[in-house]
Amino acid sequence: MQMDKTWANLVDIGEGNPVMVRDLEVFNITEVAAFLGAHEQTVRRLARRGVIPAFKVGKDWRFRKEAILRWSEEQQPSGRPLLRAGHR
């Protein structure tokens, strides 16, 4: 029996709010740095300072794909670069 793809991709994260699995994609520091075109140390610093949405799993930083996409889109309209030159 094949499940409906709509339901197969849903995960209940509590509070009766099913979420699409793709919305739960989590990136590591290397993946986010590549996505942003930044150095890994820069991404770590932004995460430590709370500038970029992130959370820790043990000692490692993790980034929800949806939050990073939303954050990067919010940075663009200001005309400011995501990362300042000379600050890695």
PDB file of N, CA and C in Angstrom:
ATOM      1  N   MET A   1       0.833  -1.184   0.000  1.00  0.00           N
ATOM      2  CA  MET A   1       0.000   0.000   0.000  1.00  0.00           C
ATOM      3  C   MET A   1       0.882   1.254   0.000  1.00  0.00           C
ATOM      4  N   GLN A   2       0.644   2.145  -0.945  1.00  0.00           N
ATOM      5  CA  GLN A   2       1.427   3.368  -1.033  1.00  0.00           C
ATOM      6  C   GLN A   2       0.695   4.499  -0.318  1.00  0.00           C
ATOM      7  N   MET A   3       1.439   5.222   0.528  1.00  0.00           N
ATOM      8  CA  MET A   3       0.834   6.331   1.274  1.00  0.00           C
ATOM      9  C   MET A   3       0.757   7.566   0.386  1.00  0.00           C
ATOM     10  N   ASP A   4      -0.240   8.361   0.643  1.00  0.00           N
ATOM     11  CA  ASP A   4      -0.370   9.652  -0.026  1.00  0.00           C
ATOM     12  C   ASP A   4       0.876  10.466   0.294  1.00  0.00           C
ATOM     13  N   LYS A   5       1.547  11.023  -0.713  1.00  0.00           N
ATOM     14  CA  LYS A   5       2.789  11.766  -0.494  1.00  0.00           C
ATOM     15  C   LYS A   5       2.595  12.945   0.456  1.00  0.00           C
ATOM     16  N   THR A   6       1.420  13.557   0.421  1.00  0.00           N
ATOM     17  CA  THR A   6       1.159  14.681   1.317  1.00  0.00           C
ATOM     18  C   THR A   6       1.303  14.252   2.768  1.00  0.00           C
ATOM     19  N   TRP A   7       0.717  13.132   3.122  1.00  0.00           N
ATOM     20  CA  TRP A   7       0.789  12.666   4.506  1.00  0.00           C
ATOM     21  C   TRP A   7       2.123  12.021   4.810  1.00  0.00           C
ATOM     22  N   ALA A   8       2.753  11.396   3.825  1.00  0.00           N
ATOM     23  CA  ALA A   8       4.029  10.726   4.051  1.00  0.00           C
ATOM     24  C   ALA A   8       5.114  11.721   4.438  1.00  0.00           C
ATOM     25  N   ASN A   9       4.985  12.960   3.996  1.00  0.00           N
ATOM     26  CA  ASN A   9       5.998  13.962   4.272  1.00  0.00           C
ATOM     27  C   ASN A   9       5.722  14.779   5.528  1.00  0.00           C
ATOM     28  N   LEU A  10       4.647  14.448   6.240  1.00  0.00           N
ATOM     29  CA  LEU A  10       4.301  15.208   7.438  1.00  0.00           C
ATOM     30  C   LEU A  10       4.875  14.552   8.679  1.00  0.00           C
ATOM     31  N   VAL A  11       5.360  15.377   9.587  1.00  0.00           N
ATOM     32  CA  VAL A  11       5.858  14.918  10.878  1.00  0.00           C
ATOM     33  C   VAL A  11       5.184  15.756  11.945  1.00  0.00           C
ATOM     34  N   ASP A  12       4.682  15.093  12.987  1.00  0.00           N
ATOM     35  CA  ASP A  12       4.055  15.824  14.087  1.00  0.00           C
ATOM     36  C   ASP A  12       5.133  16.192  15.096  1.00  0.00           C
ATOM     37  N   ILE A  13       5.382  17.489  15.257  1.00  0.00           N
ATOM     38  CA  ILE A  13       6.414  17.943  16.197  1.00  0.00           C
ATOM     39  C   ILE A  13       5.797  18.370  17.521  1.00  0.00           C
ATOM     40  N   GLY A  14       4.582  17.970  17.739  1.00  0.00           N
ATOM     41  CA  GLY A  14       3.907  18.307  18.988  1.00  0.00           C
ATOM     42  C   GLY A  14       2.894  19.407  18.782  1.00  0.00           C
ATOM     43  N   GLU A  15       2.068  19.596  19.783  1.00  0.00           N
ATOM     44  CA  GLU A  15       1.041  20.632  19.767  1.00  0.00           C
ATOM     45  C   GLU A  15       0.085  20.466  18.590  1.00  0.00           C
ATOM     46  N   GLY A  16       0.014  19.243  18.023  1.00  0.00           N
ATOM     47  CA  GLY A  16      -0.922  18.979  16.940  1.00  0.00           C
ATOM     48  C   GLY A  16      -0.633  19.730  15.660  1.00  0.00           C
ATOM     49  N   ASN A  17       0.615  20.149  15.468  1.00  0.00           N
ATOM     50  CA  ASN A  17       0.984  20.899  14.267  1.00  0.00           C
ATOM     51  C   ASN A  17       1.908  20.075  13.387  1.00  0.00           C
ATOM     52  N   PRO A  18       1.351  19.324  12.438  1.00  0.00           N
ATOM     53  CA  PRO A  18       2.231  18.575  11.540  1.00  0.00           C
ATOM     54  C   PRO A  18       3.016  19.526  10.653  1.00  0.00           C
ATOM     55  N   VAL A  19       4.261  19.184  10.401  1.00  0.00           N
ATOM     56  CA  VAL A  19       5.155  20.019   9.606  1.00  0.00           C
ATOM     57  C   VAL A  19       5.710  19.162   8.474  1.00  0.00           C
ATOM     58  N   MET A  20       5.845  19.754   7.314  1.00  0.00           N
ATOM     59  CA  MET A  20       6.441  19.028   6.196  1.00  0.00           C
ATOM     60  C   MET A  20       7.885  18.695   6.545  1.00  0.00           C
ATOM     61  N   VAL A  21       8.319  17.505   6.214  1.00  0.00           N
ATOM     62  CA  VAL A  21       9.670  17.077   6.532  1.00  0.00           C
ATOM     63  C   VAL A  21      10.688  18.024   5.924  1.00  0.00           C
ATOM     64  N   ARG A  22      10.439  18.486   4.715  1.00  0.00           N
ATOM     65  CA  ARG A  22      11.414  19.366   4.075  1.00  0.00           C
ATOM     66  C   ARG A  22      11.597  20.663   4.857  1.00  0.00           C
ATOM     67  N   ASP A  23      10.591  21.081   5.646  1.00  0.00           N
ATOM     68  CA  ASP A  23      10.717  22.282   6.462  1.00  0.00           C
ATOM     69  C   ASP A  23      11.648  22.061   7.645  1.00  0.00           C
ATOM     70  N   LEU A  24      11.958  20.810   7.942  1.00  0.00           N
ATOM     71  CA  LEU A  24      12.803  20.495   9.084  1.00  0.00           C
ATOM     72  C   LEU A  24      14.255  20.270   8.678  1.00  0.00           C
ATOM     73  N   GLU A  25      14.595  20.538   7.420  1.00  0.00           N
ATOM     74  CA  GLU A  25      15.967  20.330   6.982  1.00  0.00           C
ATOM     75  C   GLU A  25      16.900  21.188   7.813  1.00  0.00           C
ATOM     76  N   VAL A  26      17.954  20.568   8.268  1.00  0.00           N
ATOM     77  CA  VAL A  26      18.921  21.249   9.122  1.00  0.00           C
ATOM     78  C   VAL A  26      20.282  21.183   8.455  1.00  0.00           C
ATOM     79  N   PHE A  27      20.936  22.324   8.389  1.00  0.00           N
ATOM     80  CA  PHE A  27      22.265  22.422   7.791  1.00  0.00           C
ATOM     81  C   PHE A  27      23.325  22.491   8.875  1.00  0.00           C
ATOM     82  N   ASN A  28      24.525  22.082   8.535  1.00  0.00           N
ATOM     83  CA  ASN A  28      25.659  22.260   9.431  1.00  0.00           C
ATOM     84  C   ASN A  28      26.419  23.521   9.012  1.00  0.00           C
ATOM     85  N   ILE A  29      27.493  23.822   9.702  1.00  0.00           N
ATOM     86  CA  ILE A  29      28.237  25.058   9.460  1.00  0.00           C
ATOM     87  C   ILE A  29      28.816  25.110   8.048  1.00  0.00           C
ATOM     88  N   THR A  30      29.308  23.988   7.562  1.00  0.00           N
ATOM     89  CA  THR A  30      29.907  23.935   6.227  1.00  0.00           C
ATOM     90  C   THR A  30      28.870  24.218   5.152  1.00  0.00           C
ATOM     91  N   GLU A  31      27.692  23.641   5.295  1.00  0.00           N
ATOM     92  CA  GLU A  31      26.628  23.831   4.309  1.00  0.00           C
ATOM     93  C   GLU A  31      26.127  25.270   4.287  1.00  0.00           C
ATOM     94  N   VAL A  32      25.969  25.874   5.464  1.00  0.00           N
ATOM     95  CA  VAL A  32      25.501  27.266   5.520  1.00  0.00           C
ATOM     96  C   VAL A  32      26.567  28.208   4.977  1.00  0.00           C
ATOM     97  N   ALA A  33      27.818  27.953   5.301  1.00  0.00           N
ATOM     98  CA  ALA A  33      28.904  28.791   4.787  1.00  0.00           C
ATOM     99  C   ALA A  33      28.938  28.745   3.263  1.00  0.00           C
ATOM    100  N   ALA A  34      28.782  27.561   2.689  1.00  0.00           N
ATOM    101  CA  ALA A  34      28.767  27.432   1.227  1.00  0.00           C
ATOM    102  C   ALA A  34      27.564  28.164   0.638  1.00  0.00           C
ATOM    103  N   PHE A  35      26.407  28.013   1.262  1.00  0.00           N
ATOM    104  CA  PHE A  35      25.187  28.676   0.783  1.00  0.00           C
ATOM    105  C   PHE A  35      25.348  30.194   0.780  1.00  0.00           C
ATOM    106  N   LEU A  36      25.938  30.737   1.846  1.00  0.00           N
ATOM    107  CA  LEU A  36      26.095  32.187   1.970  1.00  0.00           C
ATOM    108  C   LEU A  36      27.338  32.714   1.261  1.00  0.00           C
ATOM    109  N   GLY A  37      28.225  31.812   0.864  1.00  0.00           N
ATOM    110  CA  GLY A  37      29.478  32.246   0.255  1.00  0.00           C
ATOM    111  C   GLY A  37      30.385  32.906   1.277  1.00  0.00           C
ATOM    112  N   ALA A  38      30.369  32.378   2.484  1.00  0.00           N
ATOM    113  CA  ALA A  38      31.141  32.956   3.587  1.00  0.00           C
ATOM    114  C   ALA A  38      32.097  31.908   4.157  1.00  0.00           C
ATOM    115  N   HIS A  39      33.047  32.364   4.914  1.00  0.00           N
ATOM    116  CA  HIS A  39      33.974  31.469   5.599  1.00  0.00           C
ATOM    117  C   HIS A  39      33.255  30.843   6.802  1.00  0.00           C
ATOM    118  N   GLU A  40      33.596  29.623   7.134  1.00  0.00           N
ATOM    119  CA  GLU A  40      32.963  28.939   8.259  1.00  0.00           C
ATOM    120  C   GLU A  40      33.129  29.710   9.567  1.00  0.00           C
ATOM    121  N   GLN A  41      34.292  30.317   9.772  1.00  0.00           N
ATOM    122  CA  GLN A  41      34.518  31.086  11.008  1.00  0.00           C
ATOM    123  C   GLN A  41      33.579  32.290  11.087  1.00  0.00           C
ATOM    124  N   THR A  42      33.294  32.899   9.946  1.00  0.00           N
ATOM    125  CA  THR A  42      32.369  34.031   9.912  1.00  0.00           C
ATOM    126  C   THR A  42      30.974  33.587  10.325  1.00  0.00           C
ATOM    127  N   VAL A  43      30.549  32.448   9.802  1.00  0.00           N
ATOM    128  CA  VAL A  43      29.226  31.924  10.148  1.00  0.00           C
ATOM    129  C   VAL A  43      29.169  31.587  11.639  1.00  0.00           C
ATOM    130  N   ARG A  44      30.234  30.987  12.180  1.00  0.00           N
ATOM    131  CA  ARG A  44      30.273  30.687  13.627  1.00  0.00           C
ATOM    132  C   ARG A  44      30.140  31.964  14.450  1.00  0.00           C
ATOM    133  N   ARG A  45      30.872  32.994  14.043  1.00  0.00           N
ATOM    134  CA  ARG A  45      30.822  34.264  14.778  1.00  0.00           C
ATOM    135  C   ARG A  45      29.424  34.872  14.728  1.00  0.00           C
ATOM    136  N   LEU A  46      28.799  34.852  13.555  1.00  0.00           N
ATOM    137  CA  LEU A  46      27.438  35.381  13.429  1.00  0.00           C
ATOM    138  C   LEU A  46      26.469  34.587  14.305  1.00  0.00           C
ATOM    139  N   ALA A  47      26.640  33.274  14.359  1.00  0.00           N
ATOM    140  CA  ALA A  47      25.777  32.429  15.198  1.00  0.00           C
ATOM    141  C   ALA A  47      25.992  32.743  16.678  1.00  0.00           C
ATOM    142  N   ARG A  48      27.249  32.836  17.091  1.00  0.00           N
ATOM    143  CA  ARG A  48      27.560  33.151  18.507  1.00  0.00           C
ATOM    144  C   ARG A  48      26.948  34.479  18.927  1.00  0.00           C
ATOM    145  N   ARG A  49      26.983  35.454  18.041  1.00  0.00           N
ATOM    146  CA  ARG A  49      26.468  36.796  18.348  1.00  0.00           C
ATOM    147  C   ARG A  49      24.943  36.886  18.202  1.00  0.00           C
ATOM    148  N   GLY A  50      24.333  35.823  17.702  1.00  0.00           N
ATOM    149  CA  GLY A  50      22.880  35.835  17.534  1.00  0.00           C
ATOM    150  C   GLY A  50      22.407  36.606  16.309  1.00  0.00           C
ATOM    151  N   VAL A  51      23.319  36.891  15.398  1.00  0.00           N
ATOM    152  CA  VAL A  51      22.982  37.636  14.194  1.00  0.00           C
ATOM    153  C   VAL A  51      22.240  36.747  13.204  1.00  0.00           C
ATOM    154  N   ILE A  52      22.638  35.500  13.135  1.00  0.00           N
ATOM    155  CA  ILE A  52      22.053  34.544  12.200  1.00  0.00           C
ATOM    156  C   ILE A  52      21.293  33.490  13.012  1.00  0.00           C
ATOM    157  N   PRO A  53      20.123  33.056  12.569  1.00  0.00           N
ATOM    158  CA  PRO A  53      19.354  32.066  13.338  1.00  0.00           C
ATOM    159  C   PRO A  53      20.061  30.716  13.375  1.00  0.00           C
ATOM    160  N   ALA A  54      20.346  30.252  14.578  1.00  0.00           N
ATOM    161  CA  ALA A  54      21.088  28.996  14.745  1.00  0.00           C
ATOM    162  C   ALA A  54      20.793  28.403  16.108  1.00  0.00           C
ATOM    163  N   PHE A  55      21.141  27.139  16.254  1.00  0.00           N
ATOM    164  CA  PHE A  55      21.053  26.483  17.551  1.00  0.00           C
ATOM    165  C   PHE A  55      22.181  25.471  17.639  1.00  0.00           C
ATOM    166  N   LYS A  56      22.483  25.054  18.848  1.00  0.00           N
ATOM    167  CA  LYS A  56      23.584  24.117  19.042  1.00  0.00           C
ATOM    168  C   LYS A  56      23.066  22.724  19.373  1.00  0.00           C
ATOM    169  N   VAL A  57      23.761  21.750  18.832  1.00  0.00           N
ATOM    170  CA  VAL A  57      23.564  20.348  19.184  1.00  0.00           C
ATOM    171  C   VAL A  57      24.922  19.925  19.734  1.00  0.00           C
ATOM    172  N   GLY A  58      25.007  19.841  21.045  1.00  0.00           N
ATOM    173  CA  GLY A  58      26.316  19.612  21.665  1.00  0.00           C
ATOM    174  C   GLY A  58      27.180  20.830  21.418  1.00  0.00           C
ATOM    175  N   LYS A  59      28.328  20.615  20.800  1.00  0.00           N
ATOM    176  CA  LYS A  59      29.239  21.725  20.493  1.00  0.00           C
ATOM    177  C   LYS A  59      29.073  22.249  19.074  1.00  0.00           C
ATOM    178  N   ASP A  60      28.230  21.591  18.305  1.00  0.00           N
ATOM    179  CA  ASP A  60      28.088  21.927  16.890  1.00  0.00           C
ATOM    180  C   ASP A  60      26.893  22.841  16.624  1.00  0.00           C
ATOM    181  N   TRP A  61      27.104  23.826  15.762  1.00  0.00           N
ATOM    182  CA  TRP A  61      26.031  24.713  15.344  1.00  0.00           C
ATOM    183  C   TRP A  61      25.194  24.048  14.276  1.00  0.00           C
ATOM    184  N   ARG A  62      23.890  24.285  14.325  1.00  0.00           N
ATOM    185  CA  ARG A  62      22.951  23.794  13.321  1.00  0.00           C
ATOM    186  C   ARG A  62      22.054  24.954  12.895  1.00  0.00           C
ATOM    187  N   PHE A  63      21.565  24.874  11.662  1.00  0.00           N
ATOM    188  CA  PHE A  63      20.800  25.959  11.065  1.00  0.00           C
ATOM    189  C   PHE A  63      19.613  25.371  10.313  1.00  0.00           C
ATOM    190  N   ARG A  64      18.397  25.807  10.643  1.00  0.00           N
ATOM    191  CA  ARG A  64      17.214  25.356   9.895  1.00  0.00           C
ATOM    192  C   ARG A  64      17.204  26.041   8.535  1.00  0.00           C
ATOM    193  N   LYS A  65      17.044  25.240   7.500  1.00  0.00           N
ATOM    194  CA  LYS A  65      17.061  25.762   6.135  1.00  0.00           C
ATOM    195  C   LYS A  65      16.081  26.913   5.961  1.00  0.00           C
ATOM    196  N   GLU A  66      14.852  26.718   6.414  1.00  0.00           N
ATOM    197  CA  GLU A  66      13.822  27.744   6.245  1.00  0.00           C
ATOM    198  C   GLU A  66      14.222  29.046   6.943  1.00  0.00           C
ATOM    199  N   ALA A  67      14.801  28.951   8.135  1.00  0.00           N
ATOM    200  CA  ALA A  67      15.208  30.150   8.881  1.00  0.00           C
ATOM    201  C   ALA A  67      16.350  30.871   8.174  1.00  0.00           C
ATOM    202  N   ILE A  68      17.288  30.117   7.606  1.00  0.00           N
ATOM    203  CA  ILE A  68      18.414  30.729   6.894  1.00  0.00           C
ATOM    204  C   ILE A  68      17.922  31.417   5.621  1.00  0.00           C
ATOM    205  N   LEU A  69      17.031  30.765   4.897  1.00  0.00           N
ATOM    206  CA  LEU A  69      16.485  31.386   3.684  1.00  0.00           C
ATOM    207  C   LEU A  69      15.756  32.683   4.014  1.00  0.00           C
ATOM    208  N   ARG A  70      14.933  32.642   5.059  1.00  0.00           N
ATOM    209  CA  ARG A  70      14.186  33.834   5.473  1.00  0.00           C
ATOM    210  C   ARG A  70      15.150  34.938   5.923  1.00  0.00           C
ATOM    211  N   TRP A  71      16.146  34.580   6.719  1.00  0.00           N
ATOM    212  CA  TRP A  71      17.128  35.548   7.207  1.00  0.00           C
ATOM    213  C   TRP A  71      17.881  36.190   6.052  1.00  0.00           C
ATOM    214  N   SER A  72      18.332  35.375   5.098  1.00  0.00           N
ATOM    215  CA  SER A  72      19.100  35.926   3.978  1.00  0.00           C
ATOM    216  C   SER A  72      18.249  36.859   3.124  1.00  0.00           C
ATOM    217  N   GLU A  73      16.971  36.539   2.955  1.00  0.00           N
ATOM    218  CA  GLU A  73      16.075  37.418   2.200  1.00  0.00           C
ATOM    219  C   GLU A  73      15.848  38.738   2.936  1.00  0.00           C
ATOM    220  N   GLU A  74      15.786  38.687   4.250  1.00  0.00           N
ATOM    221  CA  GLU A  74      15.584  39.906   5.043  1.00  0.00           C
ATOM    222  C   GLU A  74      16.807  40.815   4.989  1.00  0.00           C
ATOM    223  N   GLN A  75      17.973  40.269   4.739  1.00  0.00           N
ATOM    224  CA  GLN A  75      19.201  41.066   4.702  1.00  0.00           C
ATOM    225  C   GLN A  75      19.331  41.860   3.417  1.00  0.00           C
ATOM    226  N   GLN A  76      18.798  41.360   2.335  1.00  0.00           N
ATOM    227  CA  GLN A  76      18.987  41.967   1.025  1.00  0.00           C
ATOM    228  C   GLN A  76      18.348  43.344   0.854  1.00  0.00           C
ATOM    229  N   PRO A  77      17.094  43.573   1.270  1.00  0.00           N
ATOM    230  CA  PRO A  77      16.458  44.865   0.993  1.00  0.00           C
ATOM    231  C   PRO A  77      17.170  46.063   1.627  1.00  0.00           C
ATOM    232  N   SER A  78      17.923  45.845   2.673  1.00  0.00           N
ATOM    233  CA  SER A  78      18.559  46.963   3.362  1.00  0.00           C
ATOM    234  C   SER A  78      19.678  47.586   2.550  1.00  0.00           C
ATOM    235  N   GLY A  79      20.143  46.850   1.540  1.00  0.00           N
ATOM    236  CA  GLY A  79      21.248  47.366   0.757  1.00  0.00           C
ATOM    237  C   GLY A  79      22.591  47.057   1.390  1.00  0.00           C
ATOM    238  N   ARG A  80      22.564  46.540   2.613  1.00  0.00           N
ATOM    239  CA  ARG A  80      23.803  46.171   3.294  1.00  0.00           C
ATOM    240  C   ARG A  80      24.245  44.809   2.808  1.00  0.00           C
ATOM    241  N   PRO A  81      25.523  44.590   2.687  1.00  0.00           N
ATOM    242  CA  PRO A  81      25.980  43.247   2.346  1.00  0.00           C
ATOM    243  C   PRO A  81      25.738  42.305   3.518  1.00  0.00           C
ATOM    244  N   LEU A  82      25.549  41.023   3.232  1.00  0.00           N
ATOM    245  CA  LEU A  82      25.361  40.039   4.305  1.00  0.00           C
ATOM    246  C   LEU A  82      26.592  40.015   5.217  1.00  0.00           C
ATOM    247  N   LEU A  83      27.754  40.171   4.614  1.00  0.00           N
ATOM    248  CA  LEU A  83      28.999  40.100   5.363  1.00  0.00           C
ATOM    249  C   LEU A  83      29.845  41.321   5.000  1.00  0.00           C
ATOM    250  N   ARG A  84      30.390  41.982   5.997  1.00  0.00           N
ATOM    251  CA  ARG A  84      31.190  43.164   5.741  1.00  0.00           C
ATOM    252  C   ARG A  84      32.587  42.766   5.306  1.00  0.00           C
ATOM    253  N   ALA A  85      33.125  43.485   4.339  1.00  0.00           N
ATOM    254  CA  ALA A  85      34.485  43.209   3.858  1.00  0.00           C
ATOM    255  C   ALA A  85      35.481  43.380   5.000  1.00  0.00           C
ATOM    256  N   GLY A  86      36.444  42.493   5.050  1.00  0.00           N
ATOM    257  CA  GLY A  86      37.485  42.596   6.071  1.00  0.00           C
ATOM    258  C   GLY A  86      37.101  42.007   7.409  1.00  0.00           C
ATOM    259  N   HIS A  87      35.897  41.478   7.546  1.00  0.00           N
ATOM    260  CA  HIS A  87      35.442  40.906   8.815  1.00  0.00           C
ATOM    261  C   HIS A  87      35.108  39.439   8.601  1.00  0.00           C
ATOM    262  N   ARG A  88      36.086  38.581   8.700  1.00  0.00           N
ATOM    263  CA  ARG A  88      35.878  37.150   8.520  1.00  0.00           C
ATOM    264  C   ARG A  88      35.890  36.458   9.827  1.00  0.00           C
TER     265      ARG A  88
END
